[in-house]
Amino acid sequence: MAINMSPQPPVQIGRELELVKRYVLLGILMLILDHDIRVVGSAATKLPRVYESMLRGLQDRVMLELAALRRQFRESGIHIYEEKRGDVGITTKYVCQGYHHEFSLRWTFIRAEAERLLKTYMVK
């Protein structure tokens, strides 16, 4: 009877992977909102304070969700330890339940998901 001495991590298809993906996407959304707030502040618009306050309100909602996700990470034993941005997209490495995992997201997917997330925050 042979014993497998190199345990393979369980395939991450569940809740933890979705939490980490959402966290990465919300981080990108924060960068987008930061950029847009700077642009609105320096643009020659008629109501720059109104637009800026709307964007800051969205940013506050994103920050609250990021904080909730970090709490869930602590409870679930999830730790993101690397995030590499490249020409094609982002690769994220994390530990969950003692196993190391990684996944990649393409910029086209990130852009579409960021828009979708932003729309959901605007409707709420």
Protein backbone atom coordinates (compact mmCIF):
# COMPACT_ATOMS: atom_id res chain seq x y z
CA MET A 1 0.00 0.00 0.00
CA ALA A 2 1.60 3.27 -1.16
CA ILE A 3 1.23 6.46 0.83
CA ASN A 4 1.07 9.77 -0.98
CA MET A 5 3.62 12.02 0.78
CA SER A 6 2.87 15.15 -1.29
CA PRO A 7 -0.65 16.22 -0.39
CA GLN A 8 -2.36 18.20 -3.09
CA PRO A 9 -4.42 21.18 -2.01
CA PRO A 10 -8.15 20.81 -2.41
CA VAL A 11 -9.52 22.48 -5.51
CA GLN A 12 -10.79 25.94 -4.60
CA ILE A 13 -14.20 26.25 -6.18
CA GLY A 14 -16.16 27.29 -3.15
CA ARG A 15 -16.89 30.21 -0.93
CA GLU A 16 -13.25 31.07 -0.14
CA LEU A 17 -12.29 31.55 -3.77
CA GLU A 18 -15.30 33.81 -4.35
CA LEU A 19 -14.40 35.89 -1.29
CA VAL A 20 -10.83 36.37 -2.50
CA LYS A 21 -11.95 37.25 -6.05
CA ARG A 22 -14.42 39.80 -4.73
CA TYR A 23 -11.75 41.30 -2.47
CA VAL A 24 -9.36 41.71 -5.43
CA LEU A 25 -12.09 43.24 -7.59
CA LEU A 26 -13.14 45.67 -4.85
CA GLY A 27 -9.50 46.71 -4.44
CA ILE A 28 -9.36 47.58 -8.14
CA LEU A 29 -12.69 49.39 -7.84
CA MET A 30 -11.19 51.53 -5.04
CA LEU A 31 -8.31 52.51 -7.35
CA ILE A 32 -10.77 53.40 -10.10
CA LEU A 33 -12.84 55.54 -7.73
CA ASP A 34 -9.69 57.28 -6.41
CA HIS A 35 -8.71 58.11 -9.98
CA ASP A 36 -12.17 59.35 -10.90
CA ILE A 37 -12.40 61.53 -7.78
CA ARG A 38 -9.12 63.21 -8.75
CA VAL A 39 -10.33 63.71 -12.33
CA VAL A 40 -13.66 65.18 -11.22
CA GLY A 41 -11.88 67.48 -8.78
CA SER A 42 -9.67 68.91 -11.50
CA ALA A 43 -12.23 68.94 -14.33
CA ALA A 44 -14.17 72.01 -15.37
CA THR A 45 -17.61 70.72 -14.44
CA LYS A 46 -20.53 72.79 -13.22
CA LEU A 47 -21.10 70.74 -10.05
CA PRO A 48 -17.75 69.19 -9.10
CA ARG A 49 -18.59 68.89 -5.38
CA VAL A 50 -21.79 66.97 -6.11
CA TYR A 51 -20.00 64.47 -8.36
CA GLU A 52 -17.12 64.13 -5.95
CA SER A 53 -19.43 63.50 -2.99
CA MET A 54 -21.32 60.87 -4.99
CA LEU A 55 -18.08 59.08 -5.82
CA ARG A 56 -16.90 59.33 -2.21
CA GLY A 57 -20.19 57.80 -1.06
CA LEU A 58 -19.61 54.86 -3.42
CA GLN A 59 -16.05 54.61 -2.13
CA ASP A 60 -17.31 54.46 1.47
CA ARG A 61 -19.60 51.56 0.59
CA VAL A 62 -16.74 49.69 -1.06
CA MET A 63 -14.51 50.29 1.99
CA LEU A 64 -17.19 48.90 4.29
CA GLU A 65 -17.47 45.74 2.22
CA LEU A 66 -13.67 45.38 2.11
CA ALA A 67 -13.59 45.59 5.91
CA ALA A 68 -16.29 42.92 6.16
CA LEU A 69 -14.33 40.69 3.78
CA ARG A 70 -11.16 41.11 5.86
CA ARG A 71 -13.16 39.97 8.91
CA GLN A 72 -14.36 36.92 7.00
CA PHE A 73 -10.76 36.23 5.94
CA ARG A 74 -9.66 36.16 9.59
CA GLU A 75 -12.54 33.85 10.53
CA SER A 76 -11.87 31.50 7.60
CA GLY A 77 -8.07 31.52 7.85
CA ILE A 78 -7.58 33.18 4.46
CA HIS A 79 -4.47 35.27 3.83
CA ILE A 80 -3.57 36.96 0.53
CA TYR A 81 0.20 37.16 0.30
CA GLU A 82 0.90 38.19 -3.28
CA GLU A 83 -0.80 40.14 -6.03
CA LYS A 84 1.05 40.63 -9.32
CA ARG A 85 -0.24 42.92 -12.01
CA GLY A 86 0.86 42.28 -15.56
CA ASP A 87 -0.07 43.20 -19.10
CA VAL A 88 -2.72 40.48 -19.28
CA GLY A 89 -4.23 40.79 -15.80
CA ILE A 90 -3.70 40.13 -12.10
CA THR A 91 -2.43 36.95 -10.46
CA THR A 92 -3.27 36.53 -6.78
CA LYS A 93 -1.71 34.02 -4.38
CA TYR A 94 -3.30 33.20 -1.06
CA VAL A 95 -3.38 30.64 1.74
CA CYS A 96 -6.60 28.98 2.84
CA GLN A 97 -6.82 26.19 5.41
CA GLY A 98 -3.05 25.74 5.22
CA TYR A 99 -2.98 25.24 1.44
CA HIS A 100 -1.55 27.69 -1.09
CA HIS A 101 -3.73 28.66 -4.04
CA GLU A 102 -3.53 31.10 -6.92
CA PHE A 103 -5.77 32.42 -9.64
CA SER A 104 -5.56 34.97 -12.43
CA LEU A 105 -8.06 37.48 -13.70
CA ARG A 106 -7.77 39.13 -17.12
CA TRP A 107 -8.09 42.91 -17.42
CA THR A 108 -11.09 42.56 -19.73
CA PHE A 109 -12.91 40.53 -17.06
CA ILE A 110 -11.81 42.94 -14.32
CA ARG A 111 -13.09 45.95 -16.27
CA ALA A 112 -16.48 44.32 -16.92
CA GLU A 113 -16.84 43.15 -13.30
CA ALA A 114 -15.78 46.55 -11.92
CA GLU A 115 -18.50 48.21 -14.02
CA ARG A 116 -21.05 45.64 -12.88
CA LEU A 117 -20.09 46.09 -9.21
CA LEU A 118 -20.20 49.85 -9.49
CA LYS A 119 -23.70 49.65 -10.97
CA THR A 120 -24.89 47.48 -8.08
CA TYR A 121 -23.51 50.02 -5.59
CA MET A 122 -25.26 52.85 -7.43
CA VAL A 123 -28.64 51.09 -7.31
CA LYS A 124 -28.48 50.33 -3.57
